[in-house]
Amino acid sequence: MHDVTWIGSRFFTDTAGYYDNYRSSTPRDDWPYDSDRDAGLAQVLSGGGYPTCRQWWADGSNGLRARLLSQVDPNLLTRVAGWAGFLSRAEVDDSVIRTIASPRQQKLNQGSVYTDYGGQIDKTLPNVITRAAGDVGMAVGGIAAFPAMDVVRQALPMVLALLKMALVICIPLVLVIGTYDLKTVVTVSVVQFALFFVDFWFQLARWIDSTILDALYGRGWGWNRPHYNFDLLVGLNNAFGDMLLNFVMGTMFIVMPTFWIMALAWADVRAGNALQGLAGATGDAKAAGGKGGGIALNAVSKK
């Protein structure tokens, strides 16, 4: 069902009676008139023929597939293929082409790569004004927020190491006070595992921020960004989406480990606020880091 929803469907291409049977209704100059294939069809002065849908889609360098693929920077395809190692190169290419040729992408999203629930479906003037005001506020707020987030991300491994040390010191005392009750032993063991597993969530958040999103959307400025390849506005309509994404990714370094500890309650393991120290211990560093952006903003406003 998913395969037949786009123009390059493998089912339509490879199954007899579909793309091998249907043809262009008007002559195409890239495919010369073929007396066998085009018998009974009108000949035109340009010499164009009537290719079958299979030829029209996959015929060497003339086919639509090859033409669409040529519009994408080869470096982008290589990076996406490197990340999606579980897919063949043909499958990666088809996925990129499907993104370009998708009617939903071209008509509904209008080139936007981020989906959201902001405003109404058909944006009204108040929606546009609200979005513009929010984008300006986000741009100004990012001057202070991004340095603060970066400081927090630098401080998190230090705080986590100290929390691990505190846990190891507490374990024998807690077990003695709990008279080595089995429930206490299991809870302490799970909390220790959960705390040491937080490193995984930090690495996952950093990997998503550095690898997957870069492969899909690109970072910085340059012609290798998908925005430049897929969008006539060269990604300008996604610039504030990129900035919002940076805000979201900055919070994921706190949110995902916290969610992990909360999820342990599903297994009836009460880990408590084991990670409350992450937010508390990095609060002062975050505030100090944000002051640097505030100073720069004040200097600019005075100028």
C-alpha atoms as a PDB file:
ATOM      1  CA  MET A   1       0.000   0.000   0.000  1.00  0.00           C
ATOM      2  CA  HIS A   2       2.871   2.369   0.743  1.00  0.00           C
ATOM      3  CA  ASP A   3       4.693   1.560  -2.503  1.00  0.00           C
ATOM      4  CA  VAL A   4       1.831   2.429  -4.844  1.00  0.00           C
ATOM      5  CA  THR A   5       1.362   5.930  -3.436  1.00  0.00           C
ATOM      6  CA  TRP A   6       4.102   7.532  -5.523  1.00  0.00           C
ATOM      7  CA  ILE A   7       5.045   7.913  -9.173  1.00  0.00           C
ATOM      8  CA  GLY A   8       8.041   5.555  -9.049  1.00  0.00           C
ATOM      9  CA  SER A   9       6.166   2.600  -7.576  1.00  0.00           C
ATOM     10  CA  ARG A  10       8.085  -0.656  -7.971  1.00  0.00           C
ATOM     11  CA  PHE A  11       4.798  -2.494  -8.322  1.00  0.00           C
ATOM     12  CA  PHE A  12       3.652  -0.376 -11.251  1.00  0.00           C
ATOM     13  CA  THR A  13       7.106  -0.461 -12.848  1.00  0.00           C
ATOM     14  CA  ASP A  14       7.769  -4.191 -12.582  1.00  0.00           C
ATOM     15  CA  THR A  15       4.261  -5.659 -12.925  1.00  0.00           C
ATOM     16  CA  ALA A  16       2.951  -6.343 -16.422  1.00  0.00           C
ATOM     17  CA  GLY A  17      -0.082  -4.328 -17.473  1.00  0.00           C
ATOM     18  CA  TYR A  18       0.834  -1.055 -15.812  1.00  0.00           C
ATOM     19  CA  TYR A  19       3.867   1.061 -16.763  1.00  0.00           C
ATOM     20  CA  ASP A  20       4.752  -1.240 -19.653  1.00  0.00           C
ATOM     21  CA  ASN A  21       1.271  -0.739 -21.115  1.00  0.00           C
ATOM     22  CA  TYR A  22       0.376   2.892 -20.474  1.00  0.00           C
ATOM     23  CA  ARG A  23       2.184   5.613 -22.416  1.00  0.00           C
ATOM     24  CA  SER A  24       2.554   9.345 -22.816  1.00  0.00           C
ATOM     25  CA  SER A  25      -0.507  10.888 -24.449  1.00  0.00           C
ATOM     26  CA  THR A  26       1.596  13.564 -26.171  1.00  0.00           C
ATOM     27  CA  PRO A  27       4.895  13.273 -28.081  1.00  0.00           C
ATOM     28  CA  ARG A  28       8.139  13.659 -26.103  1.00  0.00           C
ATOM     29  CA  ASP A  29      11.209  14.936 -27.903  1.00  0.00           C
ATOM     30  CA  ASP A  30      13.592  12.980 -25.671  1.00  0.00           C
ATOM     31  CA  TRP A  31      12.199   9.726 -27.045  1.00  0.00           C
ATOM     32  CA  PRO A  32      12.299   9.566 -30.868  1.00  0.00           C
ATOM     33  CA  TYR A  33       9.317   8.200 -32.718  1.00  0.00           C
ATOM     34  CA  ASP A  34       9.438   4.387 -32.870  1.00  0.00           C
ATOM     35  CA  SER A  35       7.383   2.882 -35.686  1.00  0.00           C
ATOM     36  CA  ASP A  36       6.870  -0.364 -33.784  1.00  0.00           C
ATOM     37  CA  ARG A  37       6.107   1.135 -30.405  1.00  0.00           C
ATOM     38  CA  ASP A  38       4.174   4.160 -31.699  1.00  0.00           C
ATOM     39  CA  ALA A  39       2.344   2.555 -34.620  1.00  0.00           C
ATOM     40  CA  GLY A  40      -0.943   4.336 -35.309  1.00  0.00           C
ATOM     41  CA  LEU A  41       0.024   7.452 -33.363  1.00  0.00           C
ATOM     42  CA  ALA A  42       0.554  10.841 -34.966  1.00  0.00           C
ATOM     43  CA  GLN A  43       4.066  11.823 -36.050  1.00  0.00           C
ATOM     44  CA  VAL A  44       5.192  15.383 -35.327  1.00  0.00           C
ATOM     45  CA  LEU A  45       7.817  17.568 -36.972  1.00  0.00           C
ATOM     46  CA  SER A  46      10.072  17.450 -33.913  1.00  0.00           C
ATOM     47  CA  GLY A  47      10.334  13.664 -34.238  1.00  0.00           C
ATOM     48  CA  GLY A  48       9.183  13.043 -30.694  1.00  0.00           C
ATOM     49  CA  GLY A  49       7.696   9.690 -29.768  1.00  0.00           C
ATOM     50  CA  TYR A  50       5.303   8.284 -27.209  1.00  0.00           C
ATOM     51  CA  PRO A  51       7.328   6.446 -24.553  1.00  0.00           C
ATOM     52  CA  THR A  52       5.710   3.954 -22.244  1.00  0.00           C
ATOM     53  CA  CYS A  53       5.456   4.974 -18.614  1.00  0.00           C
ATOM     54  CA  ARG A  54       8.269   2.563 -17.783  1.00  0.00           C
ATOM     55  CA  GLN A  55      10.577   4.233 -20.319  1.00  0.00           C
ATOM     56  CA  TRP A  56       9.435   7.675 -19.265  1.00  0.00           C
ATOM     57  CA  TRP A  57      10.341   6.919 -15.651  1.00  0.00           C
ATOM     58  CA  ALA A  58      13.470   4.746 -15.846  1.00  0.00           C
ATOM     59  CA  ASP A  59      15.021   5.140 -19.293  1.00  0.00           C
ATOM     60  CA  GLY A  60      18.709   5.861 -18.635  1.00  0.00           C
ATOM     61  CA  SER A  61      19.602   9.529 -18.286  1.00  0.00           C
ATOM     62  CA  ASN A  62      16.375  10.630 -20.016  1.00  0.00           C
ATOM     63  CA  GLY A  63      14.060   9.075 -17.449  1.00  0.00           C
ATOM     64  CA  LEU A  64      12.339  11.184 -14.844  1.00  0.00           C
ATOM     65  CA  ARG A  65      14.008   9.200 -12.056  1.00  0.00           C
ATOM     66  CA  ALA A  66      17.499  10.076 -13.262  1.00  0.00           C
ATOM     67  CA  ARG A  67      16.538  13.700 -13.880  1.00  0.00           C
ATOM     68  CA  LEU A  68      15.115  14.155 -10.412  1.00  0.00           C
ATOM     69  CA  LEU A  69      18.113  12.454  -8.848  1.00  0.00           C
ATOM     70  CA  SER A  70      20.476  14.754 -10.733  1.00  0.00           C
ATOM     71  CA  GLN A  71      18.880  17.726  -8.973  1.00  0.00           C
ATOM     72  CA  VAL A  72      20.190  16.486  -5.622  1.00  0.00           C
ATOM     73  CA  ASP A  73      23.738  17.163  -4.481  1.00  0.00           C
ATOM     74  CA  PRO A  74      25.741  13.877  -4.665  1.00  0.00           C
ATOM     75  CA  ASN A  75      27.312  14.636  -1.278  1.00  0.00           C
ATOM     76  CA  LEU A  76      23.863  14.710   0.291  1.00  0.00           C
ATOM     77  CA  LEU A  77      22.995  11.314  -1.176  1.00  0.00           C
ATOM     78  CA  THR A  78      26.282   9.890   0.107  1.00  0.00           C
ATOM     79  CA  ARG A  79      25.654  11.208   3.617  1.00  0.00           C
ATOM     80  CA  VAL A  80      22.086   9.912   3.716  1.00  0.00           C
ATOM     81  CA  ALA A  81      23.241   6.518   2.413  1.00  0.00           C
ATOM     82  CA  GLY A  82      25.982   6.446   5.058  1.00  0.00           C
ATOM     83  CA  TRP A  83      23.480   7.044   7.835  1.00  0.00           C
ATOM     84  CA  ALA A  84      20.793   4.698   6.458  1.00  0.00           C
ATOM     85  CA  GLY A  85      23.167   1.746   6.178  1.00  0.00           C
ATOM     86  CA  PHE A  86      20.252  -0.663   6.514  1.00  0.00           C
ATOM     87  CA  LEU A  87      18.955   0.434   3.091  1.00  0.00           C
ATOM     88  CA  SER A  88      20.454  -0.211  -0.336  1.00  0.00           C
ATOM     89  CA  ARG A  89      21.630   2.764  -2.381  1.00  0.00           C
ATOM     90  CA  ALA A  90      18.670   2.311  -4.762  1.00  0.00           C
ATOM     91  CA  GLU A  91      16.254   2.450  -1.823  1.00  0.00           C
ATOM     92  CA  VAL A  92      17.957   5.576  -0.484  1.00  0.00           C
ATOM     93  CA  ASP A  93      17.755   7.232  -3.910  1.00  0.00           C
ATOM     94  CA  ASP A  94      14.079   6.291  -4.217  1.00  0.00           C
ATOM     95  CA  SER A  95      13.362   7.794  -0.790  1.00  0.00           C
ATOM     96  CA  VAL A  96      15.014  11.079  -1.745  1.00  0.00           C
ATOM     97  CA  ILE A  97      13.189  11.190  -5.094  1.00  0.00           C
ATOM     98  CA  ARG A  98       9.931  10.409  -3.343  1.00  0.00           C
ATOM     99  CA  THR A  99      10.502  13.417  -1.095  1.00  0.00           C
ATOM    100  CA  ILE A 100      11.103  15.667  -4.089  1.00  0.00           C
ATOM    101  CA  ALA A 101       8.185  14.394  -6.179  1.00  0.00           C
ATOM    102  CA  SER A 102       5.642  14.037  -3.378  1.00  0.00           C
ATOM    103  CA  PRO A 103       2.474  16.048  -4.113  1.00  0.00           C
ATOM    104  CA  ARG A 104       2.054  16.480  -0.355  1.00  0.00           C
ATOM    105  CA  GLN A 105       5.529  17.969  -0.137  1.00  0.00           C
ATOM    106  CA  GLN A 106       4.988  20.336  -3.027  1.00  0.00           C
ATOM    107  CA  LYS A 107       1.381  21.435  -2.410  1.00  0.00           C
ATOM    108  CA  LEU A 108       0.536  21.001   1.248  1.00  0.00           C
ATOM    109  CA  ASN A 109       3.856  21.677   2.970  1.00  0.00           C
ATOM    110  CA  GLN A 110       4.934  24.341   0.473  1.00  0.00           C
ATOM    111  CA  GLY A 111       8.539  23.258   0.848  1.00  0.00           C
ATOM    112  CA  SER A 112       8.566  23.140   4.649  1.00  0.00           C
ATOM    113  CA  VAL A 113      10.430  20.179   6.103  1.00  0.00           C
ATOM    114  CA  TYR A 114       9.124  20.531   9.666  1.00  0.00           C
ATOM    115  CA  THR A 115       5.554  19.648  10.542  1.00  0.00           C
ATOM    116  CA  ASP A 116       3.847  21.533  13.335  1.00  0.00           C
ATOM    117  CA  TYR A 117       0.440  22.398  14.725  1.00  0.00           C
ATOM    118  CA  GLY A 118       0.935  26.144  14.782  1.00  0.00           C
ATOM    119  CA  GLY A 119      -1.900  28.303  13.472  1.00  0.00           C
ATOM    120  CA  GLN A 120      -4.801  27.048  11.420  1.00  0.00           C
ATOM    121  CA  ILE A 121      -4.585  24.745   8.408  1.00  0.00           C
ATOM    122  CA  ASP A 122      -5.176  27.638   6.020  1.00  0.00           C
ATOM    123  CA  LYS A 123      -3.186  30.317   7.800  1.00  0.00           C
ATOM    124  CA  THR A 124      -4.995  33.595   8.343  1.00  0.00           C
ATOM    125  CA  LEU A 125      -3.383  37.019   8.689  1.00  0.00           C
ATOM    126  CA  PRO A 126      -3.382  36.822  12.528  1.00  0.00           C
ATOM    127  CA  ASN A 127      -1.649  33.436  12.243  1.00  0.00           C
ATOM    128  CA  VAL A 128       1.038  34.908  10.005  1.00  0.00           C
ATOM    129  CA  ILE A 129       1.579  37.883  12.326  1.00  0.00           C
ATOM    130  CA  THR A 130       1.737  35.589  15.345  1.00  0.00           C
ATOM    131  CA  ARG A 131       4.252  33.324  13.634  1.00  0.00           C
ATOM    132  CA  ALA A 132       6.422  36.285  12.593  1.00  0.00           C
ATOM    133  CA  ALA A 133       6.393  37.710  16.128  1.00  0.00           C
ATOM    134  CA  GLY A 134       7.281  34.315  17.574  1.00  0.00           C
ATOM    135  CA  ASP A 135      10.142  33.896  15.106  1.00  0.00           C
ATOM    136  CA  VAL A 136      11.575  37.299  16.000  1.00  0.00           C
ATOM    137  CA  GLY A 137      11.301  36.532  19.703  1.00  0.00           C
ATOM    138  CA  MET A 138      12.971  33.181  19.189  1.00  0.00           C
ATOM    139  CA  ALA A 139      15.824  34.762  17.254  1.00  0.00           C
ATOM    140  CA  VAL A 140      16.435  37.331  19.989  1.00  0.00           C
ATOM    141  CA  GLY A 141      15.996  34.810  22.802  1.00  0.00           C
ATOM    142  CA  GLY A 142      18.403  32.407  21.137  1.00  0.00           C
ATOM    143  CA  ILE A 143      21.262  34.841  21.703  1.00  0.00           C
ATOM    144  CA  ALA A 144      21.043  34.113  25.424  1.00  0.00           C
ATOM    145  CA  ALA A 145      19.526  30.620  25.327  1.00  0.00           C
ATOM    146  CA  PHE A 146      22.020  28.873  23.048  1.00  0.00           C
ATOM    147  CA  PRO A 147      25.118  29.728  25.126  1.00  0.00           C
ATOM    148  CA  ALA A 148      23.240  28.640  28.265  1.00  0.00           C
ATOM    149  CA  MET A 149      22.290  25.321  26.662  1.00  0.00           C
ATOM    150  CA  ASP A 150      25.860  24.735  25.540  1.00  0.00           C
ATOM    151  CA  VAL A 151      27.161  25.332  29.071  1.00  0.00           C
ATOM    152  CA  VAL A 152      24.604  22.870  30.457  1.00  0.00           C
ATOM    153  CA  ARG A 153      25.674  20.214  27.954  1.00  0.00           C
ATOM    154  CA  GLN A 154      29.278  20.696  28.995  1.00  0.00           C
ATOM    155  CA  ALA A 155      28.416  20.429  32.684  1.00  0.00           C
ATOM    156  CA  LEU A 156      26.165  17.359  32.485  1.00  0.00           C
ATOM    157  CA  PRO A 157      28.964  14.717  32.347  1.00  0.00           C
ATOM    158  CA  MET A 158      30.645  16.294  35.378  1.00  0.00           C
ATOM    159  CA  VAL A 159      27.428  16.325  37.400  1.00  0.00           C
ATOM    160  CA  LEU A 160      26.576  12.765  36.354  1.00  0.00           C
ATOM    161  CA  ALA A 161      30.001  11.519  37.471  1.00  0.00           C
ATOM    162  CA  LEU A 162      29.506  13.067  40.910  1.00  0.00           C
ATOM    163  CA  LEU A 163      26.000  11.575  41.173  1.00  0.00           C
ATOM    164  CA  LYS A 164      27.441   8.136  40.400  1.00  0.00           C
ATOM    165  CA  MET A 165      30.021   8.627  43.133  1.00  0.00           C
ATOM    166  CA  ALA A 166      27.329   9.652  45.610  1.00  0.00           C
ATOM    167  CA  LEU A 167      25.239   6.612  44.686  1.00  0.00           C
ATOM    168  CA  VAL A 168      28.130   4.195  45.235  1.00  0.00           C
ATOM    169  CA  ILE A 169      28.771   5.756  48.653  1.00  0.00           C
ATOM    170  CA  CYS A 170      25.090   5.522  49.583  1.00  0.00           C
ATOM    171  CA  ILE A 171      24.537   1.898  48.524  1.00  0.00           C
ATOM    172  CA  PRO A 172      26.044   0.131  51.608  1.00  0.00           C
ATOM    173  CA  LEU A 173      24.394   2.580  54.009  1.00  0.00           C
ATOM    174  CA  VAL A 174      20.984   2.186  52.366  1.00  0.00           C
ATOM    175  CA  LEU A 175      21.266  -1.606  52.389  1.00  0.00           C
ATOM    176  CA  VAL A 176      22.213  -1.694  56.068  1.00  0.00           C
ATOM    177  CA  ILE A 177      19.426   0.689  57.041  1.00  0.00           C
ATOM    178  CA  GLY A 178      17.021  -1.357  54.919  1.00  0.00           C
ATOM    179  CA  THR A 179      18.230  -4.573  56.639  1.00  0.00           C
ATOM    180  CA  TYR A 180      19.071  -6.031  53.243  1.00  0.00           C
ATOM    181  CA  ASP A 181      15.411  -6.313  52.349  1.00  0.00           C
ATOM    182  CA  LEU A 182      15.011  -7.889  48.904  1.00  0.00           C
ATOM    183  CA  LYS A 183      12.864  -5.032  47.641  1.00  0.00           C
ATOM    184  CA  THR A 184      15.487  -2.523  48.761  1.00  0.00           C
ATOM    185  CA  VAL A 185      18.261  -4.476  47.082  1.00  0.00           C
ATOM    186  CA  VAL A 186      16.326  -4.684  43.802  1.00  0.00           C
ATOM    187  CA  THR A 187      15.424  -0.994  43.900  1.00  0.00           C
ATOM    188  CA  VAL A 188      18.997   0.097  44.591  1.00  0.00           C
ATOM    189  CA  SER A 189      20.265  -2.181  41.811  1.00  0.00           C
ATOM    190  CA  VAL A 190      17.796  -0.792  39.295  1.00  0.00           C
ATOM    191  CA  VAL A 191      18.548   2.803  40.304  1.00  0.00           C
ATOM    192  CA  GLN A 192      22.261   2.160  39.893  1.00  0.00           C
ATOM    193  CA  PHE A 193      21.689   0.668  36.454  1.00  0.00           C
ATOM    194  CA  ALA A 194      19.390   3.553  35.522  1.00  0.00           C
ATOM    195  CA  LEU A 195      21.944   6.155  36.599  1.00  0.00           C
ATOM    196  CA  PHE A 196      24.769   4.534  34.673  1.00  0.00           C
ATOM    197  CA  PHE A 197      22.466   4.134  31.656  1.00  0.00           C
ATOM    198  CA  VAL A 198      21.921   7.894  31.539  1.00  0.00           C
ATOM    199  CA  ASP A 199      25.196   8.114  29.594  1.00  0.00           C
ATOM    200  CA  PHE A 200      23.425   6.318  26.761  1.00  0.00           C
ATOM    201  CA  TRP A 201      20.696   8.984  26.631  1.00  0.00           C
ATOM    202  CA  PHE A 202      23.296  11.739  26.500  1.00  0.00           C
ATOM    203  CA  GLN A 203      25.059  10.017  23.633  1.00  0.00           C
ATOM    204  CA  LEU A 204      21.754   9.376  21.842  1.00  0.00           C
ATOM    205  CA  ALA A 205      20.747  13.038  22.126  1.00  0.00           C
ATOM    206  CA  ARG A 206      24.163  14.115  20.856  1.00  0.00           C
ATOM    207  CA  TRP A 207      24.001  11.600  17.985  1.00  0.00           C
ATOM    208  CA  ILE A 208      20.557  12.799  16.918  1.00  0.00           C
ATOM    209  CA  ASP A 209      21.702  16.400  17.112  1.00  0.00           C
ATOM    210  CA  SER A 210      24.942  15.794  15.205  1.00  0.00           C
ATOM    211  CA  THR A 211      24.251  12.977  12.759  1.00  0.00           C
ATOM    212  CA  ILE A 212      20.691  12.135  11.824  1.00  0.00           C
ATOM    213  CA  LEU A 213      19.365  15.680  11.591  1.00  0.00           C
ATOM    214  CA  ASP A 214      22.452  16.746   9.703  1.00  0.00           C
ATOM    215  CA  ALA A 215      21.925  13.935   7.191  1.00  0.00           C
ATOM    216  CA  LEU A 216      18.255  14.755   6.706  1.00  0.00           C
ATOM    217  CA  TYR A 217      18.207  18.527   6.877  1.00  0.00           C
ATOM    218  CA  GLY A 218      21.810  19.755   6.848  1.00  0.00           C
ATOM    219  CA  ARG A 219      23.342  22.394   9.065  1.00  0.00           C
ATOM    220  CA  GLY A 220      24.954  25.759   8.486  1.00  0.00           C
ATOM    221  CA  TRP A 221      24.929  27.263   5.016  1.00  0.00           C
ATOM    222  CA  GLY A 222      25.870  25.594   1.772  1.00  0.00           C
ATOM    223  CA  TRP A 223      24.474  24.043  -1.368  1.00  0.00           C
ATOM    224  CA  ASN A 224      24.625  20.566   0.154  1.00  0.00           C
ATOM    225  CA  ARG A 225      21.601  21.332   2.318  1.00  0.00           C
ATOM    226  CA  PRO A 226      18.402  19.534   1.288  1.00  0.00           C
ATOM    227  CA  HIS A 227      16.604  22.878   1.593  1.00  0.00           C
ATOM    228  CA  TYR A 228      18.534  24.158  -1.384  1.00  0.00           C
ATOM    229  CA  ASN A 229      17.796  21.056  -3.412  1.00  0.00           C
ATOM    230  CA  PHE A 230      14.132  20.552  -2.541  1.00  0.00           C
ATOM    231  CA  ASP A 231      12.857  24.101  -2.105  1.00  0.00           C
ATOM    232  CA  LEU A 232      12.695  27.089  -4.437  1.00  0.00           C
ATOM    233  CA  LEU A 233      13.033  29.341  -1.388  1.00  0.00           C
ATOM    234  CA  VAL A 234      16.425  27.679  -0.703  1.00  0.00           C
ATOM    235  CA  GLY A 235      15.353  26.821   2.807  1.00  0.00           C
ATOM    236  CA  LEU A 236      14.657  30.345   4.016  1.00  0.00           C
ATOM    237  CA  ASN A 237      11.149  29.301   5.023  1.00  0.00           C
ATOM    238  CA  ASN A 238      12.731  26.640   7.257  1.00  0.00           C
ATOM    239  CA  ALA A 239      15.345  28.872   8.911  1.00  0.00           C
ATOM    240  CA  PHE A 240      13.288  29.490  12.035  1.00  0.00           C
ATOM    241  CA  GLY A 241      12.304  25.815  12.107  1.00  0.00           C
ATOM    242  CA  ASP A 242      16.026  25.041  12.283  1.00  0.00           C
ATOM    243  CA  MET A 243      16.396  27.468  15.187  1.00  0.00           C
ATOM    244  CA  LEU A 244      13.412  25.975  17.008  1.00  0.00           C
ATOM    245  CA  LEU A 245      14.919  22.542  16.474  1.00  0.00           C
ATOM    246  CA  ASN A 246      18.082  23.705  18.221  1.00  0.00           C
ATOM    247  CA  PHE A 247      15.989  24.802  21.219  1.00  0.00           C
ATOM    248  CA  VAL A 248      14.278  21.401  21.324  1.00  0.00           C
ATOM    249  CA  MET A 249      17.505  19.424  20.996  1.00  0.00           C
ATOM    250  CA  GLY A 250      19.082  21.436  23.795  1.00  0.00           C
ATOM    251  CA  THR A 251      16.332  20.373  26.190  1.00  0.00           C
ATOM    252  CA  MET A 252      16.522  16.716  25.144  1.00  0.00           C
ATOM    253  CA  PHE A 253      19.706  16.277  27.169  1.00  0.00           C
ATOM    254  CA  ILE A 254      17.576  16.777  30.292  1.00  0.00           C
ATOM    255  CA  VAL A 255      14.183  15.550  29.108  1.00  0.00           C
ATOM    256  CA  MET A 256      15.200  12.101  27.804  1.00  0.00           C
ATOM    257  CA  PRO A 257      17.102  10.970  30.940  1.00  0.00           C
ATOM    258  CA  THR A 258      14.260  12.284  33.101  1.00  0.00           C
ATOM    259  CA  PHE A 259      11.715  10.392  30.992  1.00  0.00           C
ATOM    260  CA  TRP A 260      13.858   7.264  31.389  1.00  0.00           C
ATOM    261  CA  ILE A 261      13.694   7.485  35.180  1.00  0.00           C
ATOM    262  CA  MET A 262       9.951   8.131  35.040  1.00  0.00           C
ATOM    263  CA  ALA A 263       9.491   5.116  32.760  1.00  0.00           C
ATOM    264  CA  LEU A 264      10.923   2.856  35.461  1.00  0.00           C
ATOM    265  CA  ALA A 265       7.731   3.480  37.410  1.00  0.00           C
ATOM    266  CA  TRP A 266       5.927   1.431  34.770  1.00  0.00           C
ATOM    267  CA  ALA A 267       7.823  -1.577  36.125  1.00  0.00           C
ATOM    268  CA  ASP A 268       6.871  -0.505  39.665  1.00  0.00           C
ATOM    269  CA  VAL A 269      10.396   0.665  40.415  1.00  0.00           C
ATOM    270  CA  ARG A 270      10.293   3.938  42.319  1.00  0.00           C
ATOM    271  CA  ALA A 271      13.551   5.622  41.424  1.00  0.00           C
ATOM    272  CA  GLY A 272      12.352   8.923  42.849  1.00  0.00           C
ATOM    273  CA  ASN A 273      14.063  12.100  41.734  1.00  0.00           C
ATOM    274  CA  ALA A 274      17.357  10.391  41.023  1.00  0.00           C
ATOM    275  CA  LEU A 275      18.156  12.834  38.256  1.00  0.00           C
ATOM    276  CA  GLN A 276      16.899  15.975  39.919  1.00  0.00           C
ATOM    277  CA  GLY A 277      20.518  16.814  40.575  1.00  0.00           C
ATOM    278  CA  LEU A 278      21.195  17.143  36.842  1.00  0.00           C
ATOM    279  CA  ALA A 279      18.875  20.120  36.508  1.00  0.00           C
ATOM    280  CA  GLY A 280      19.703  21.539  39.918  1.00  0.00           C
ATOM    281  CA  ALA A 281      23.477  21.317  39.682  1.00  0.00           C
ATOM    282  CA  THR A 282      23.590  22.819  36.184  1.00  0.00           C
ATOM    283  CA  GLY A 283      21.174  25.649  36.954  1.00  0.00           C
ATOM    284  CA  ASP A 284      23.834  28.140  38.037  1.00  0.00           C
ATOM    285  CA  ALA A 285      26.046  27.250  35.064  1.00  0.00           C
ATOM    286  CA  LYS A 286      23.096  27.719  32.721  1.00  0.00           C
ATOM    287  CA  ALA A 287      22.308  31.127  34.210  1.00  0.00           C
ATOM    288  CA  ALA A 288      25.943  32.199  33.950  1.00  0.00           C
ATOM    289  CA  GLY A 289      26.206  31.010  30.356  1.00  0.00           C
ATOM    290  CA  GLY A 290      23.054  32.899  29.425  1.00  0.00           C
ATOM    291  CA  LYS A 291      24.498  36.139  30.771  1.00  0.00           C
ATOM    292  CA  GLY A 292      27.094  36.134  27.999  1.00  0.00           C
ATOM    293  CA  GLY A 293      24.396  36.260  25.350  1.00  0.00           C
ATOM    294  CA  GLY A 294      22.537  38.905  27.368  1.00  0.00           C
ATOM    295  CA  ILE A 295      25.627  41.080  27.508  1.00  0.00           C
ATOM    296  CA  ALA A 296      26.076  40.791  23.745  1.00  0.00           C
ATOM    297  CA  LEU A 297      22.406  41.605  23.188  1.00  0.00           C
ATOM    298  CA  ASN A 298      22.610  44.682  25.412  1.00  0.00           C
ATOM    299  CA  ALA A 299      25.742  45.845  23.628  1.00  0.00           C
ATOM    300  CA  VAL A 300      24.020  45.538  20.261  1.00  0.00           C
ATOM    301  CA  SER A 301      20.904  47.349  21.472  1.00  0.00           C
ATOM    302  CA  LYS A 302      23.027  50.225  22.821  1.00  0.00           C
ATOM    303  CA  LYS A 303      24.829  50.541  19.498  1.00  0.00           C
END
